Amino acid sequence: MPKKVYPKELKESVFKRLAPPNAEKVPDLAKELDIPRNTLYSWRSKALKESPATSKRASKWTSKDKFQAVLETASPPQLETSKYCRERG
């Protein structure tokens, strides 16, 4: 059976729906779009790897990175701070 090729636009829209902070659940999305779950799981992995928010985990931050995080979260409201922390690990 030949491998199904999905349009680039569909993949990009699915990437956005699978990526944090409001990532949708793969099984629900698979059912809605009629795309195999394994395909969506691989797309999600790719989206997370390419996401700048997940490119560098906090445990690997340098002092400069940590200081930048403090500066970026010094004055925003709590919801924005929570979002920032979820996105940056």
PDB file of N, CA and C in Angstrom:
ATOM      1  N   MET A   1       0.847  -1.179   0.000  1.00  0.00           N
ATOM      2  CA  MET A   1       0.000   0.000   0.000  1.00  0.00           C
ATOM      3  C   MET A   1       0.893   1.242   0.000  1.00  0.00           C
ATOM      4  N   PRO A   2       0.671   2.169  -0.940  1.00  0.00           N
ATOM      5  CA  PRO A   2       1.534   3.351  -1.002  1.00  0.00           C
ATOM      6  C   PRO A   2       1.301   4.287   0.185  1.00  0.00           C
ATOM      7  N   LYS A   3       2.349   4.968   0.541  1.00  0.00           N
ATOM      8  CA  LYS A   3       2.308   5.924   1.643  1.00  0.00           C
ATOM      9  C   LYS A   3       1.490   7.142   1.216  1.00  0.00           C
ATOM     10  N   LYS A   4       0.564   7.554   2.077  1.00  0.00           N
ATOM     11  CA  LYS A   4      -0.269   8.704   1.764  1.00  0.00           C
ATOM     12  C   LYS A   4       0.519   9.989   2.009  1.00  0.00           C
ATOM     13  N   VAL A   5       0.430  10.912   1.068  1.00  0.00           N
ATOM     14  CA  VAL A   5       1.111  12.196   1.181  1.00  0.00           C
ATOM     15  C   VAL A   5       0.060  13.254   1.525  1.00  0.00           C
ATOM     16  N   TYR A   6       0.326  13.995   2.592  1.00  0.00           N
ATOM     17  CA  TYR A   6      -0.598  15.027   3.041  1.00  0.00           C
ATOM     18  C   TYR A   6      -0.102  16.394   2.582  1.00  0.00           C
ATOM     19  N   PRO A   7      -1.032  17.294   2.248  1.00  0.00           N
ATOM     20  CA  PRO A   7      -0.627  18.641   1.817  1.00  0.00           C
ATOM     21  C   PRO A   7       0.134  19.376   2.930  1.00  0.00           C
ATOM     22  N   LYS A   8       1.066  20.190   2.518  1.00  0.00           N
ATOM     23  CA  LYS A   8       1.890  20.958   3.455  1.00  0.00           C
ATOM     24  C   LYS A   8       1.020  21.833   4.359  1.00  0.00           C
ATOM     25  N   GLU A   9      -0.021  22.428   3.802  1.00  0.00           N
ATOM     26  CA  GLU A   9      -0.907  23.310   4.575  1.00  0.00           C
ATOM     27  C   GLU A   9      -1.605  22.536   5.697  1.00  0.00           C
ATOM     28  N   LEU A  10      -2.025  21.307   5.394  1.00  0.00           N
ATOM     29  CA  LEU A  10      -2.678  20.486   6.415  1.00  0.00           C
ATOM     30  C   LEU A  10      -1.693  20.157   7.530  1.00  0.00           C
ATOM     31  N   LYS A  11      -0.489  19.760   7.159  1.00  0.00           N
ATOM     32  CA  LYS A  11       0.526  19.439   8.162  1.00  0.00           C
ATOM     33  C   LYS A  11       0.801  20.639   9.068  1.00  0.00           C
ATOM     34  N   GLU A  12       0.939  21.810   8.474  1.00  0.00           N
ATOM     35  CA  GLU A  12       1.234  23.013   9.265  1.00  0.00           C
ATOM     36  C   GLU A  12       0.098  23.325  10.228  1.00  0.00           C
ATOM     37  N   SER A  13      -1.145  23.176   9.779  1.00  0.00           N
ATOM     38  CA  SER A  13      -2.272  23.458  10.673  1.00  0.00           C
ATOM     39  C   SER A  13      -2.332  22.429  11.801  1.00  0.00           C
ATOM     40  N   VAL A  14      -1.991  21.182  11.495  1.00  0.00           N
ATOM     41  CA  VAL A  14      -1.974  20.139  12.517  1.00  0.00           C
ATOM     42  C   VAL A  14      -0.828  20.384  13.499  1.00  0.00           C
ATOM     43  N   PHE A  15       0.350  20.805  12.994  1.00  0.00           N
ATOM     44  CA  PHE A  15       1.480  21.140  13.876  1.00  0.00           C
ATOM     45  C   PHE A  15       1.033  22.156  14.928  1.00  0.00           C
ATOM     46  N   LYS A  16       0.340  23.183  14.479  1.00  0.00           N
ATOM     47  CA  LYS A  16      -0.099  24.241  15.408  1.00  0.00           C
ATOM     48  C   LYS A  16      -1.053  23.697  16.455  1.00  0.00           C
ATOM     49  N   ARG A  17      -1.918  22.779  16.052  1.00  0.00           N
ATOM     50  CA  ARG A  17      -2.891  22.215  16.985  1.00  0.00           C
ATOM     51  C   ARG A  17      -2.253  21.224  17.960  1.00  0.00           C
ATOM     52  N   LEU A  18      -1.132  20.638  17.577  1.00  0.00           N
ATOM     53  CA  LEU A  18      -0.457  19.657  18.426  1.00  0.00           C
ATOM     54  C   LEU A  18       0.585  20.285  19.347  1.00  0.00           C
ATOM     55  N   ALA A  19       1.010  21.499  19.026  1.00  0.00           N
ATOM     56  CA  ALA A  19       2.086  22.146  19.776  1.00  0.00           C
ATOM     57  C   ALA A  19       1.570  22.817  21.050  1.00  0.00           C
ATOM     58  N   PRO A  20       2.438  22.922  22.054  1.00  0.00           N
ATOM     59  CA  PRO A  20       2.073  23.643  23.275  1.00  0.00           C
ATOM     60  C   PRO A  20       1.821  25.109  22.970  1.00  0.00           C
ATOM     61  N   PRO A  21       1.159  25.855  23.782  1.00  0.00           N
ATOM     62  CA  PRO A  21       0.665  25.495  25.100  1.00  0.00           C
ATOM     63  C   PRO A  21      -0.725  24.854  25.080  1.00  0.00           C
ATOM     64  N   ASN A  22      -1.460  24.937  23.994  1.00  0.00           N
ATOM     65  CA  ASN A  22      -2.816  24.398  23.951  1.00  0.00           C
ATOM     66  C   ASN A  22      -2.896  23.128  23.121  1.00  0.00           C
ATOM     67  N   ALA A  23      -1.936  22.270  23.265  1.00  0.00           N
ATOM     68  CA  ALA A  23      -1.849  21.055  22.455  1.00  0.00           C
ATOM     69  C   ALA A  23      -3.106  20.205  22.600  1.00  0.00           C
ATOM     70  N   GLU A  24      -3.650  19.833  21.447  1.00  0.00           N
ATOM     71  CA  GLU A  24      -4.827  18.972  21.443  1.00  0.00           C
ATOM     72  C   GLU A  24      -4.375  17.519  21.561  1.00  0.00           C
ATOM     73  N   LYS A  25      -5.251  16.657  21.992  1.00  0.00           N
ATOM     74  CA  LYS A  25      -4.934  15.240  22.160  1.00  0.00           C
ATOM     75  C   LYS A  25      -4.927  14.541  20.808  1.00  0.00           C
ATOM     76  N   VAL A  26      -3.892  13.742  20.582  1.00  0.00           N
ATOM     77  CA  VAL A  26      -3.712  13.049  19.300  1.00  0.00           C
ATOM     78  C   VAL A  26      -4.909  12.161  18.941  1.00  0.00           C
ATOM     79  N   PRO A  27      -5.407  11.314  19.847  1.00  0.00           N
ATOM     80  CA  PRO A  27      -6.530  10.450  19.461  1.00  0.00           C
ATOM     81  C   PRO A  27      -7.761  11.237  18.985  1.00  0.00           C
ATOM     82  N   ASP A  28      -8.040  12.363  19.659  1.00  0.00           N
ATOM     83  CA  ASP A  28      -9.184  13.183  19.251  1.00  0.00           C
ATOM     84  C   ASP A  28      -8.969  13.781  17.871  1.00  0.00           C
ATOM     85  N   LEU A  29      -7.781  14.282  17.649  1.00  0.00           N
ATOM     86  CA  LEU A  29      -7.449  14.898  16.372  1.00  0.00           C
ATOM     87  C   LEU A  29      -7.427  13.853  15.249  1.00  0.00           C
ATOM     88  N   ALA A  30      -6.936  12.671  15.550  1.00  0.00           N
ATOM     89  CA  ALA A  30      -6.897  11.595  14.550  1.00  0.00           C
ATOM     90  C   ALA A  30      -8.299  11.226  14.098  1.00  0.00           C
ATOM     91  N   LYS A  31      -9.193  11.154  15.049  1.00  0.00           N
ATOM     92  CA  LYS A  31     -10.582  10.813  14.727  1.00  0.00           C
ATOM     93  C   LYS A  31     -11.232  11.926  13.898  1.00  0.00           C
ATOM     94  N   GLU A  32     -11.004  13.163  14.314  1.00  0.00           N
ATOM     95  CA  GLU A  32     -11.588  14.311  13.620  1.00  0.00           C
ATOM     96  C   GLU A  32     -11.090  14.420  12.180  1.00  0.00           C
ATOM     97  N   LEU A  33      -9.790  14.237  11.975  1.00  0.00           N
ATOM     98  CA  LEU A  33      -9.192  14.453  10.655  1.00  0.00           C
ATOM     99  C   LEU A  33      -9.058  13.175   9.828  1.00  0.00           C
ATOM    100  N   ASP A  34      -9.356  12.032  10.430  1.00  0.00           N
ATOM    101  CA  ASP A  34      -9.219  10.741   9.764  1.00  0.00           C
ATOM    102  C   ASP A  34      -7.780  10.522   9.273  1.00  0.00           C
ATOM    103  N   ILE A  35      -6.853  10.788  10.195  1.00  0.00           N
ATOM    104  CA  ILE A  35      -5.420  10.577   9.947  1.00  0.00           C
ATOM    105  C   ILE A  35      -4.953   9.591  11.014  1.00  0.00           C
ATOM    106  N   PRO A  36      -4.164   8.589  10.638  1.00  0.00           N
ATOM    107  CA  PRO A  36      -3.708   7.610  11.640  1.00  0.00           C
ATOM    108  C   PRO A  36      -2.992   8.261  12.821  1.00  0.00           C
ATOM    109  N   ARG A  37      -3.254   7.701  14.001  1.00  0.00           N
ATOM    110  CA  ARG A  37      -2.631   8.262  15.211  1.00  0.00           C
ATOM    111  C   ARG A  37      -1.110   8.244  15.136  1.00  0.00           C
ATOM    112  N   ASN A  38      -0.536   7.167  14.612  1.00  0.00           N
ATOM    113  CA  ASN A  38       0.927   7.089  14.515  1.00  0.00           C
ATOM    114  C   ASN A  38       1.489   8.220  13.675  1.00  0.00           C
ATOM    115  N   THR A  39       0.771   8.580  12.616  1.00  0.00           N
ATOM    116  CA  THR A  39       1.198   9.703  11.774  1.00  0.00           C
ATOM    117  C   THR A  39       1.194  10.991  12.591  1.00  0.00           C
ATOM    118  N   LEU A  40       0.116  11.203  13.338  1.00  0.00           N
ATOM    119  CA  LEU A  40       0.026  12.424  14.148  1.00  0.00           C
ATOM    120  C   LEU A  40       1.057  12.443  15.267  1.00  0.00           C
ATOM    121  N   TYR A  41       1.346  11.291  15.857  1.00  0.00           N
ATOM    122  CA  TYR A  41       2.385  11.254  16.899  1.00  0.00           C
ATOM    123  C   TYR A  41       3.748  11.633  16.311  1.00  0.00           C
ATOM    124  N   SER A  42       4.044  11.175  15.114  1.00  0.00           N
ATOM    125  CA  SER A  42       5.328  11.539  14.508  1.00  0.00           C
ATOM    126  C   SER A  42       5.351  13.018  14.139  1.00  0.00           C
ATOM    127  N   TRP A  43       4.213  13.538  13.676  1.00  0.00           N
ATOM    128  CA  TRP A  43       4.142  14.971  13.374  1.00  0.00           C
ATOM    129  C   TRP A  43       4.323  15.792  14.645  1.00  0.00           C
ATOM    130  N   ARG A  44       3.720  15.322  15.751  1.00  0.00           N
ATOM    131  CA  ARG A  44       3.845  16.049  17.016  1.00  0.00           C
ATOM    132  C   ARG A  44       5.298  16.063  17.478  1.00  0.00           C
ATOM    133  N   SER A  45       5.974  14.933  17.359  1.00  0.00           N
ATOM    134  CA  SER A  45       7.391  14.877  17.742  1.00  0.00           C
ATOM    135  C   SER A  45       8.206  15.872  16.932  1.00  0.00           C
ATOM    136  N   LYS A  46       7.937  15.915  15.639  1.00  0.00           N
ATOM    137  CA  LYS A  46       8.652  16.849  14.771  1.00  0.00           C
ATOM    138  C   LYS A  46       8.340  18.295  15.166  1.00  0.00           C
ATOM    139  N   ALA A  47       7.080  18.586  15.439  1.00  0.00           N
ATOM    140  CA  ALA A  47       6.682  19.948  15.819  1.00  0.00           C
ATOM    141  C   ALA A  47       7.367  20.372  17.114  1.00  0.00           C
ATOM    142  N   LEU A  48       7.443  19.451  18.082  1.00  0.00           N
ATOM    143  CA  LEU A  48       8.085  19.779  19.351  1.00  0.00           C
ATOM    144  C   LEU A  48       9.582  19.992  19.195  1.00  0.00           C
ATOM    145  N   LYS A  49      10.212  19.203  18.324  1.00  0.00           N
ATOM    146  CA  LYS A  49      11.650  19.367  18.089  1.00  0.00           C
ATOM    147  C   LYS A  49      11.957  20.698  17.423  1.00  0.00           C
ATOM    148  N   GLU A  50      11.066  21.142  16.544  1.00  0.00           N
ATOM    149  CA  GLU A  50      11.303  22.374  15.797  1.00  0.00           C
ATOM    150  C   GLU A  50      10.837  23.616  16.540  1.00  0.00           C
ATOM    151  N   SER A  51      10.071  23.429  17.598  1.00  0.00           N
ATOM    152  CA  SER A  51       9.537  24.558  18.348  1.00  0.00           C
ATOM    153  C   SER A  51      10.651  25.271  19.106  1.00  0.00           C
ATOM    154  N   PRO A  52      10.777  26.595  18.937  1.00  0.00           N
ATOM    155  CA  PRO A  52      11.815  27.323  19.684  1.00  0.00           C
ATOM    156  C   PRO A  52      11.578  27.257  21.183  1.00  0.00           C
ATOM    157  N   ALA A  53      10.338  27.092  21.585  1.00  0.00           N
ATOM    158  CA  ALA A  53      10.027  27.038  23.012  1.00  0.00           C
ATOM    159  C   ALA A  53      10.585  25.792  23.669  1.00  0.00           C
ATOM    160  N   THR A  54      10.733  24.712  22.912  1.00  0.00           N
ATOM    161  CA  THR A  54      11.214  23.471  23.506  1.00  0.00           C
ATOM    162  C   THR A  54      12.634  23.142  23.077  1.00  0.00           C
ATOM    163  N   SER A  55      13.280  24.070  22.415  1.00  0.00           N
ATOM    164  CA  SER A  55      14.614  23.785  21.899  1.00  0.00           C
ATOM    165  C   SER A  55      15.675  23.691  22.988  1.00  0.00           C
ATOM    166  N   LYS A  56      15.420  24.299  24.129  1.00  0.00           N
ATOM    167  CA  LYS A  56      16.418  24.290  25.189  1.00  0.00           C
ATOM    168  C   LYS A  56      15.707  24.182  26.536  1.00  0.00           C
ATOM    169  N   ARG A  57      15.843  23.087  27.204  1.00  0.00           N
ATOM    170  CA  ARG A  57      15.208  22.868  28.486  1.00  0.00           C
ATOM    171  C   ARG A  57      15.926  23.650  29.585  1.00  0.00           C
ATOM    172  N   ALA A  58      15.168  24.010  30.614  1.00  0.00           N
ATOM    173  CA  ALA A  58      15.698  24.821  31.703  1.00  0.00           C
ATOM    174  C   ALA A  58      16.904  24.175  32.371  1.00  0.00           C
ATOM    175  N   SER A  59      16.940  22.856  32.422  1.00  0.00           N
ATOM    176  CA  SER A  59      18.067  22.185  33.075  1.00  0.00           C
ATOM    177  C   SER A  59      19.377  22.402  32.320  1.00  0.00           C
ATOM    178  N   LYS A  60      19.291  22.832  31.071  1.00  0.00           N
ATOM    179  CA  LYS A  60      20.496  23.063  30.274  1.00  0.00           C
ATOM    180  C   LYS A  60      20.748  24.547  30.032  1.00  0.00           C
ATOM    181  N   TRP A  61      20.015  25.406  30.724  1.00  0.00           N
ATOM    182  CA  TRP A  61      20.187  26.842  30.549  1.00  0.00           C
ATOM    183  C   TRP A  61      21.503  27.309  31.152  1.00  0.00           C
ATOM    184  N   THR A  62      22.100  28.289  30.494  1.00  0.00           N
ATOM    185  CA  THR A  62      23.276  28.941  31.052  1.00  0.00           C
ATOM    186  C   THR A  62      22.797  30.014  32.029  1.00  0.00           C
ATOM    187  N   SER A  63      23.718  30.624  32.743  1.00  0.00           N
ATOM    188  CA  SER A  63      23.357  31.722  33.647  1.00  0.00           C
ATOM    189  C   SER A  63      22.714  32.857  32.869  1.00  0.00           C
ATOM    190  N   LYS A  64      23.225  33.110  31.674  1.00  0.00           N
ATOM    191  CA  LYS A  64      22.671  34.162  30.829  1.00  0.00           C
ATOM    192  C   LYS A  64      21.218  33.849  30.465  1.00  0.00           C
ATOM    193  N   ASP A  65      20.929  32.587  30.109  1.00  0.00           N
ATOM    194  CA  ASP A  65      19.566  32.179  29.781  1.00  0.00           C
ATOM    195  C   ASP A  65      18.632  32.369  30.979  1.00  0.00           C
ATOM    196  N   LYS A  66      19.114  31.991  32.154  1.00  0.00           N
ATOM    197  CA  LYS A  66      18.307  32.122  33.367  1.00  0.00           C
ATOM    198  C   LYS A  66      18.015  33.582  33.681  1.00  0.00           C
ATOM    199  N   PHE A  67      19.023  34.411  33.528  1.00  0.00           N
ATOM    200  CA  PHE A  67      18.839  35.844  33.777  1.00  0.00           C
ATOM    201  C   PHE A  67      17.829  36.426  32.786  1.00  0.00           C
ATOM    202  N   GLN A  68      17.918  36.013  31.527  1.00  0.00           N
ATOM    203  CA  GLN A  68      16.979  36.474  30.507  1.00  0.00           C
ATOM    204  C   GLN A  68      15.553  36.069  30.873  1.00  0.00           C
ATOM    205  N   ALA A  69      15.372  34.867  31.393  1.00  0.00           N
ATOM    206  CA  ALA A  69      14.049  34.408  31.802  1.00  0.00           C
ATOM    207  C   ALA A  69      13.500  35.282  32.929  1.00  0.00           C
ATOM    208  N   VAL A  70      14.355  35.645  33.864  1.00  0.00           N
ATOM    209  CA  VAL A  70      13.931  36.520  34.958  1.00  0.00           C
ATOM    210  C   VAL A  70      13.509  37.878  34.411  1.00  0.00           C
ATOM    211  N   LEU A  71      14.285  38.424  33.502  1.00  0.00           N
ATOM    212  CA  LEU A  71      13.938  39.719  32.910  1.00  0.00           C
ATOM    213  C   LEU A  71      12.610  39.657  32.145  1.00  0.00           C
ATOM    214  N   GLU A  72      12.411  38.562  31.395  1.00  0.00           N
ATOM    215  CA  GLU A  72      11.206  38.433  30.580  1.00  0.00           C
ATOM    216  C   GLU A  72       9.951  38.196  31.418  1.00  0.00           C
ATOM    217  N   THR A  73      10.106  37.690  32.630  1.00  0.00           N
ATOM    218  CA  THR A  73       8.941  37.392  33.466  1.00  0.00           C
ATOM    219  C   THR A  73       8.818  38.326  34.670  1.00  0.00           C
ATOM    220  N   ALA A  74       9.605  39.373  34.725  1.00  0.00           N
ATOM    221  CA  ALA A  74       9.629  40.251  35.889  1.00  0.00           C
ATOM    222  C   ALA A  74       8.315  40.975  36.127  1.00  0.00           C
ATOM    223  N   SER A  75       7.634  41.399  35.074  1.00  0.00           N
ATOM    224  CA  SER A  75       6.432  42.186  35.304  1.00  0.00           C
ATOM    225  C   SER A  75       5.139  41.647  34.695  1.00  0.00           C
ATOM    226  N   PRO A  76       5.137  40.604  33.888  1.00  0.00           N
ATOM    227  CA  PRO A  76       3.861  40.173  33.322  1.00  0.00           C
ATOM    228  C   PRO A  76       2.932  39.563  34.368  1.00  0.00           C
ATOM    229  N   PRO A  77       1.638  39.559  34.066  1.00  0.00           N
ATOM    230  CA  PRO A  77       0.674  38.937  34.973  1.00  0.00           C
ATOM    231  C   PRO A  77       0.953  37.439  35.138  1.00  0.00           C
ATOM    232  N   GLN A  78       0.356  36.844  36.164  1.00  0.00           N
ATOM    233  CA  GLN A  78       0.623  35.452  36.503  1.00  0.00           C
ATOM    234  C   GLN A  78       0.309  34.499  35.355  1.00  0.00           C
ATOM    235  N   LEU A  79      -0.772  34.733  34.605  1.00  0.00           N
ATOM    236  CA  LEU A  79      -1.111  33.836  33.501  1.00  0.00           C
ATOM    237  C   LEU A  79      -0.036  33.837  32.431  1.00  0.00           C
ATOM    238  N   GLU A  80       0.494  35.005  32.134  1.00  0.00           N
ATOM    239  CA  GLU A  80       1.563  35.085  31.141  1.00  0.00           C
ATOM    240  C   GLU A  80       2.824  34.402  31.647  1.00  0.00           C
ATOM    241  N   THR A  81       3.121  34.560  32.928  1.00  0.00           N
ATOM    242  CA  THR A  81       4.289  33.912  33.514  1.00  0.00           C
ATOM    243  C   THR A  81       4.138  32.389  33.451  1.00  0.00           C
ATOM    244  N   SER A  82       2.945  31.902  33.769  1.00  0.00           N
ATOM    245  CA  SER A  82       2.683  30.458  33.716  1.00  0.00           C
ATOM    246  C   SER A  82       2.851  29.943  32.295  1.00  0.00           C
ATOM    247  N   LYS A  83       2.321  30.685  31.340  1.00  0.00           N
ATOM    248  CA  LYS A  83       2.450  30.291  29.933  1.00  0.00           C
ATOM    249  C   LYS A  83       3.921  30.244  29.524  1.00  0.00           C
ATOM    250  N   TYR A  84       4.661  31.267  29.914  1.00  0.00           N
ATOM    251  CA  TYR A  84       6.089  31.343  29.599  1.00  0.00           C
ATOM    252  C   TYR A  84       6.820  30.123  30.161  1.00  0.00           C
ATOM    253  N   CYS A  85       6.532  29.797  31.405  1.00  0.00           N
ATOM    254  CA  CYS A  85       7.206  28.671  32.055  1.00  0.00           C
ATOM    255  C   CYS A  85       6.855  27.348  31.386  1.00  0.00           C
ATOM    256  N   ARG A  86       5.598  27.163  31.007  1.00  0.00           N
ATOM    257  CA  ARG A  86       5.214  25.932  30.308  1.00  0.00           C
ATOM    258  C   ARG A  86       5.936  25.810  28.968  1.00  0.00           C
ATOM    259  N   GLU A  87       6.023  26.918  28.252  1.00  0.00           N
ATOM    260  CA  GLU A  87       6.651  26.902  26.930  1.00  0.00           C
ATOM    261  C   GLU A  87       8.149  26.669  27.001  1.00  0.00           C
ATOM    262  N   ARG A  88       8.784  27.191  28.023  1.00  0.00           N
ATOM    263  CA  ARG A  88      10.248  27.115  28.124  1.00  0.00           C
ATOM    264  C   ARG A  88      10.742  25.934  28.934  1.00  0.00           C
ATOM    265  N   GLY A  89       9.858  25.207  29.558  1.00  0.00           N
ATOM    266  CA  GLY A  89      10.292  24.023  30.327  1.00  0.00           C
ATOM    267  C   GLY A  89      10.708  24.393  31.700  1.00  0.00           C
TER     268      GLY A  89
END
